[in-house]
Amino acid sequence: MNYYVLHCQTLKSDRVCQRLNRKYGLQAFIPKMESYHRVSNQVIEKTMFPGYVFIKTDLDQREFDALLGDLNDERNGIIKELKKSDVSALTQDEIDLYQRLWNQNGILEMSEGYKENGKTIVTKGPLLSFQKEIIATDKRDMVAVLKLTFLDRNIKAGILLK
């Protein structure tokens, strides 16, 4: 499987995703994360990379480029494809990281844990195997920052601290 990333107009990302899934049979999705919403005291889903649509497909880079070239009028909302010299936008390490953190629906689920002596201890969730990678936590916003990067950004993940 190859993963490709399209940079889109943020307000048209959902429409681009739906069009690629419905008309072209691709697995297009927008990665999300579960986040704690203080006002409503609920866990909500939040877009992790606004303006980006991820595509999982068996197509190689040339076939995918050809498909994008054939979109013509249906390119509405797509700005460009992120790619590195004719290879899949995501490296194998990034794909492995993605598969370990996000569920099959493209959602980074909320983890649970607690603070002890200034250290975050994860007791449940996808961050369990990434505990040593946590460089900061925000108890107020219930977010952990990892020293791991994805698309050249540090990964942030929801964590309910008790």
Protein backbone atom coordinates (compact mmCIF):
# COMPACT_ATOMS: atom_id res chain seq x y z
CA MET A 1 0.00 0.00 0.00
CA ASN A 2 1.12 3.51 -0.79
CA TYR A 3 0.03 6.62 1.03
CA TYR A 4 -0.29 9.93 -0.79
CA VAL A 5 -1.12 13.34 0.61
CA LEU A 6 -3.00 16.10 -1.17
CA HIS A 7 -2.86 19.69 0.01
CA CYS A 8 -6.36 21.10 -0.44
CA GLN A 9 -8.33 24.21 0.33
CA THR A 10 -9.32 23.60 3.94
CA LEU A 11 -13.02 24.26 3.38
CA LYS A 12 -13.11 21.83 0.43
CA SER A 13 -11.12 18.96 2.00
CA ASP A 14 -14.20 16.94 2.99
CA ARG A 15 -15.70 17.29 -0.49
CA VAL A 16 -12.42 16.25 -2.18
CA CYS A 17 -12.22 13.23 0.13
CA GLN A 18 -15.79 12.15 -0.62
CA ARG A 19 -15.30 12.61 -4.39
CA LEU A 20 -12.11 10.49 -4.44
CA ASN A 21 -13.78 7.72 -2.44
CA ARG A 22 -17.05 7.63 -4.34
CA LYS A 23 -15.98 8.23 -7.94
CA TYR A 24 -12.48 6.74 -8.01
CA GLY A 25 -12.72 4.00 -5.37
CA LEU A 26 -9.72 5.25 -3.42
CA GLN A 27 -9.37 5.15 0.37
CA ALA A 28 -9.23 8.89 0.98
CA PHE A 29 -9.49 10.17 4.56
CA ILE A 30 -8.68 13.10 6.79
CA PRO A 31 -6.72 12.05 9.92
CA LYS A 32 -8.41 13.08 13.15
CA MET A 33 -7.64 12.85 16.83
CA GLU A 34 -9.84 12.53 19.86
CA SER A 35 -9.53 15.66 21.96
CA TYR A 36 -10.96 16.73 25.29
CA HIS A 37 -13.38 19.66 25.05
CA ARG A 38 -13.40 21.42 28.41
CA VAL A 39 -16.57 23.44 27.95
CA SER A 40 -18.78 20.43 27.18
CA ASN A 41 -16.64 18.05 29.27
CA GLN A 42 -16.66 15.57 26.35
CA VAL A 43 -14.24 13.85 24.02
CA ILE A 44 -14.62 15.18 20.47
CA GLU A 45 -12.90 14.49 17.14
CA LYS A 46 -10.63 17.17 15.76
CA THR A 47 -8.84 17.34 12.37
CA MET A 48 -5.11 16.82 12.87
CA PHE A 49 -3.81 18.27 9.61
CA PRO A 50 -6.30 20.88 8.32
CA GLY A 51 -6.14 21.20 4.55
CA TYR A 52 -4.65 17.75 3.90
CA VAL A 53 -6.33 14.65 2.47
CA PHE A 54 -4.55 11.30 2.82
CA ILE A 55 -5.03 8.56 0.26
CA LYS A 56 -4.25 4.88 0.79
CA THR A 57 -4.05 2.93 -2.46
CA ASP A 58 -2.30 0.19 -4.39
CA LEU A 59 -1.52 2.65 -7.21
CA ASP A 60 2.17 3.42 -7.70
CA GLN A 61 3.37 7.01 -8.07
CA ARG A 62 3.02 7.11 -11.89
CA GLU A 63 -0.49 5.66 -11.81
CA PHE A 64 -1.52 8.07 -9.06
CA ASP A 65 -0.06 11.05 -10.97
CA ALA A 66 -2.00 9.94 -14.06
CA LEU A 67 -5.22 9.71 -12.02
CA LEU A 68 -4.66 13.23 -10.68
CA GLY A 69 -3.97 14.48 -14.20
CA ASP A 70 -7.26 12.99 -15.41
CA LEU A 71 -9.36 14.72 -12.75
CA ASN A 72 -9.67 17.93 -14.85
CA ASP A 73 -12.68 19.89 -13.53
CA GLU A 74 -12.89 17.68 -10.46
CA ARG A 75 -9.59 19.08 -9.17
CA ASN A 76 -11.66 21.83 -7.55
CA GLY A 77 -10.20 22.30 -4.08
CA ILE A 78 -6.93 20.41 -4.68
CA ILE A 79 -3.89 22.67 -4.49
CA LYS A 80 -1.08 20.16 -4.98
CA GLU A 81 0.21 16.71 -4.15
CA LEU A 82 2.92 16.45 -1.51
CA LYS A 83 5.65 14.23 -2.83
CA LYS A 84 9.37 13.69 -2.65
CA SER A 85 11.01 13.01 -6.01
CA ASP A 86 8.54 10.50 -7.50
CA VAL A 87 7.95 8.46 -4.34
CA SER A 88 4.99 8.07 -2.01
CA ALA A 89 4.51 11.18 0.15
CA LEU A 90 4.94 9.18 3.35
CA THR A 91 8.16 7.34 4.08
CA GLN A 92 7.98 3.75 5.30
CA ASP A 93 8.81 4.97 8.84
CA GLU A 94 5.92 7.45 8.69
CA ILE A 95 3.57 4.74 7.40
CA ASP A 96 4.62 2.41 10.24
CA LEU A 97 4.12 5.20 12.79
CA TYR A 98 0.73 6.02 11.31
CA GLN A 99 -0.38 2.39 11.50
CA ARG A 100 0.71 2.13 15.14
CA LEU A 101 -0.97 5.33 16.33
CA TRP A 102 -4.16 5.74 14.29
CA ASN A 103 -7.01 3.23 14.13
CA GLN A 104 -8.39 1.85 10.85
CA ASN A 105 -10.76 4.83 10.59
CA GLY A 106 -7.88 7.33 10.66
CA ILE A 107 -8.54 8.46 14.24
CA LEU A 108 -5.88 8.87 16.91
CA GLU A 109 -7.84 7.74 19.95
CA MET A 110 -7.59 9.35 23.36
CA SER A 111 -5.15 7.76 25.80
CA GLU A 112 -5.42 7.75 29.58
CA GLY A 113 -2.81 8.23 32.26
CA TYR A 114 -1.59 10.24 35.22
CA LYS A 115 1.34 12.42 36.30
CA GLU A 116 3.79 11.15 38.88
CA ASN A 117 6.86 13.13 39.96
CA GLY A 118 6.57 15.31 36.84
CA LYS A 119 6.49 12.28 34.54
CA THR A 120 3.51 11.17 32.45
CA ILE A 121 2.51 7.54 33.00
CA VAL A 122 0.21 6.18 30.26
CA THR A 123 -2.19 3.44 31.39
CA LYS A 124 -4.37 2.96 28.31
CA GLY A 125 -4.52 3.87 24.63
CA PRO A 126 -2.23 4.26 21.63
CA LEU A 127 0.36 6.27 23.59
CA LEU A 128 1.06 3.27 25.81
CA SER A 129 3.95 2.12 23.62
CA PHE A 130 5.11 5.72 23.05
CA GLN A 131 5.39 6.75 26.71
CA LYS A 132 9.14 7.44 26.44
CA GLU A 133 8.50 9.72 23.46
CA ILE A 134 6.32 12.18 25.44
CA ILE A 135 8.18 15.48 25.85
CA ALA A 136 5.36 17.59 27.29
CA THR A 137 1.79 17.33 28.52
CA ASP A 138 -0.81 20.01 28.98
CA LYS A 139 -3.13 18.97 31.81
CA ARG A 140 -5.50 21.84 31.08
CA ASP A 141 -6.04 20.88 27.41
CA MET A 142 -5.39 17.14 27.97
CA VAL A 143 -2.74 16.94 25.22
CA ALA A 144 0.60 15.14 25.05
CA VAL A 145 3.37 16.27 22.70
CA LEU A 146 5.66 13.57 21.33
CA LYS A 147 9.24 14.03 20.17
CA LEU A 148 8.24 12.03 17.10
CA THR A 149 7.46 13.99 13.94
CA PHE A 150 4.88 13.32 11.26
CA LEU A 151 4.82 15.54 8.16
CA ASP A 152 7.60 17.59 9.79
CA ARG A 153 5.51 18.39 12.90
CA ASN A 154 5.66 17.05 16.42
CA ILE A 155 2.74 14.73 17.03
CA LYS A 156 0.12 15.89 19.52
CA ALA A 157 -2.27 13.36 20.99
CA GLY A 158 -5.15 13.55 23.44
CA ILE A 159 -4.59 12.13 26.91
CA LEU A 160 -7.00 12.13 29.83
CA LEU A 161 -4.88 12.80 32.91
CA LYS A 162 -6.41 11.72 36.20
